[in-house]
Amino acid sequence: MEKNEDSVLLELQELALRHKESKKQKTLEEKLMIVKAHLLNHVPISQLSADFHVNRLTIRRWISTFA
C-alpha cells in the first residue's frame, strides 16, 4: 500500500475504534468516509463492515447513493 492509503486506513481504523460500541446512526461524514475508503482506496466492503459494525448491504446502498 502507498503511504496515503496507509494513513487513510489508519484513520478509518481509529474512527471505527471510537465508535465500536456505538449503536447510533452513522453521520454523513462517517458514511462518506466509508464510501471513499472503498471507492478510492479499494478497502473491501467486508472489512469496512466489520470495522464499523455496519451491514454490507447498507454500505452498498451508501455507495449507490453517494457515488
Protein backbone atom coordinates (compact mmCIF):
# COMPACT_ATOMS: atom_id res chain seq x y z
CA MET A 1 0.00 0.00 0.00
CA GLU A 2 1.09 3.55 -0.56
CA LYS A 3 1.69 5.86 2.38
CA ASN A 4 -1.51 7.79 1.61
CA GLU A 5 -3.54 4.58 1.60
CA ASP A 6 -1.95 3.54 4.90
CA SER A 7 -2.86 6.84 6.53
CA VAL A 8 -6.44 6.62 5.26
CA LEU A 9 -6.75 3.06 6.53
CA LEU A 10 -5.30 4.08 9.91
CA GLU A 11 -7.77 6.98 10.11
CA LEU A 12 -10.62 4.61 9.31
CA GLN A 13 -9.50 2.13 11.95
CA GLU A 14 -9.23 4.87 14.58
CA LEU A 15 -12.70 6.09 13.71
CA ALA A 16 -14.02 2.55 13.92
CA LEU A 17 -12.49 2.09 17.36
CA ARG A 18 -14.06 5.32 18.63
CA HIS A 19 -17.47 4.13 17.51
CA LYS A 20 -17.03 0.43 18.24
CA GLU A 21 -19.61 0.29 20.99
CA SER A 22 -21.86 2.94 19.49
CA LYS A 23 -25.32 1.90 18.33
CA LYS A 24 -26.13 5.34 16.94
CA GLN A 25 -26.66 6.04 13.28
CA LYS A 26 -23.59 6.94 11.30
CA THR A 27 -23.11 10.60 10.47
CA LEU A 28 -22.96 11.77 6.87
CA GLU A 29 -19.22 12.32 7.36
CA GLU A 30 -18.76 8.72 8.51
CA LYS A 31 -20.82 7.37 5.62
CA LEU A 32 -18.83 9.38 3.08
CA MET A 33 -15.53 8.29 4.62
CA ILE A 34 -16.58 4.64 4.35
CA VAL A 35 -17.71 5.08 0.74
CA LYS A 36 -14.47 6.89 -0.19
CA ALA A 37 -12.38 4.22 1.51
CA HIS A 38 -13.98 1.61 -0.71
CA LEU A 39 -14.02 3.58 -3.96
CA LEU A 40 -10.68 5.38 -3.75
CA ASN A 41 -8.57 3.04 -1.62
CA HIS A 42 -10.21 -0.26 -2.56
CA VAL A 43 -10.84 -1.26 1.05
CA PRO A 44 -13.09 -4.34 0.86
CA ILE A 45 -16.70 -3.86 1.87
CA SER A 46 -16.37 -6.86 4.16
CA GLN A 47 -13.53 -5.16 6.06
CA LEU A 48 -15.44 -1.88 6.33
CA SER A 49 -18.49 -3.78 7.50
CA ALA A 50 -16.53 -5.50 10.26
CA ASP A 51 -14.59 -2.39 11.31
CA PHE A 52 -17.63 -0.12 11.52
CA HIS A 53 -20.27 -2.70 12.53
CA VAL A 54 -22.41 -1.84 9.51
CA ASN A 55 -24.18 -4.40 7.35
CA ARG A 56 -22.54 -4.98 3.95
CA LEU A 57 -25.81 -4.22 2.17
CA THR A 58 -26.04 -0.90 3.98
CA ILE A 59 -22.57 0.04 2.75
CA ARG A 60 -23.54 -0.98 -0.79
CA ARG A 61 -26.61 1.26 -0.52
CA TRP A 62 -24.44 4.18 0.62
CA ILE A 63 -22.14 3.59 -2.35
CA SER A 64 -25.12 3.69 -4.72
CA THR A 65 -26.43 6.83 -3.05
CA PHE A 66 -23.22 8.84 -2.71
CA ALA A 67 -21.05 7.63 -5.60
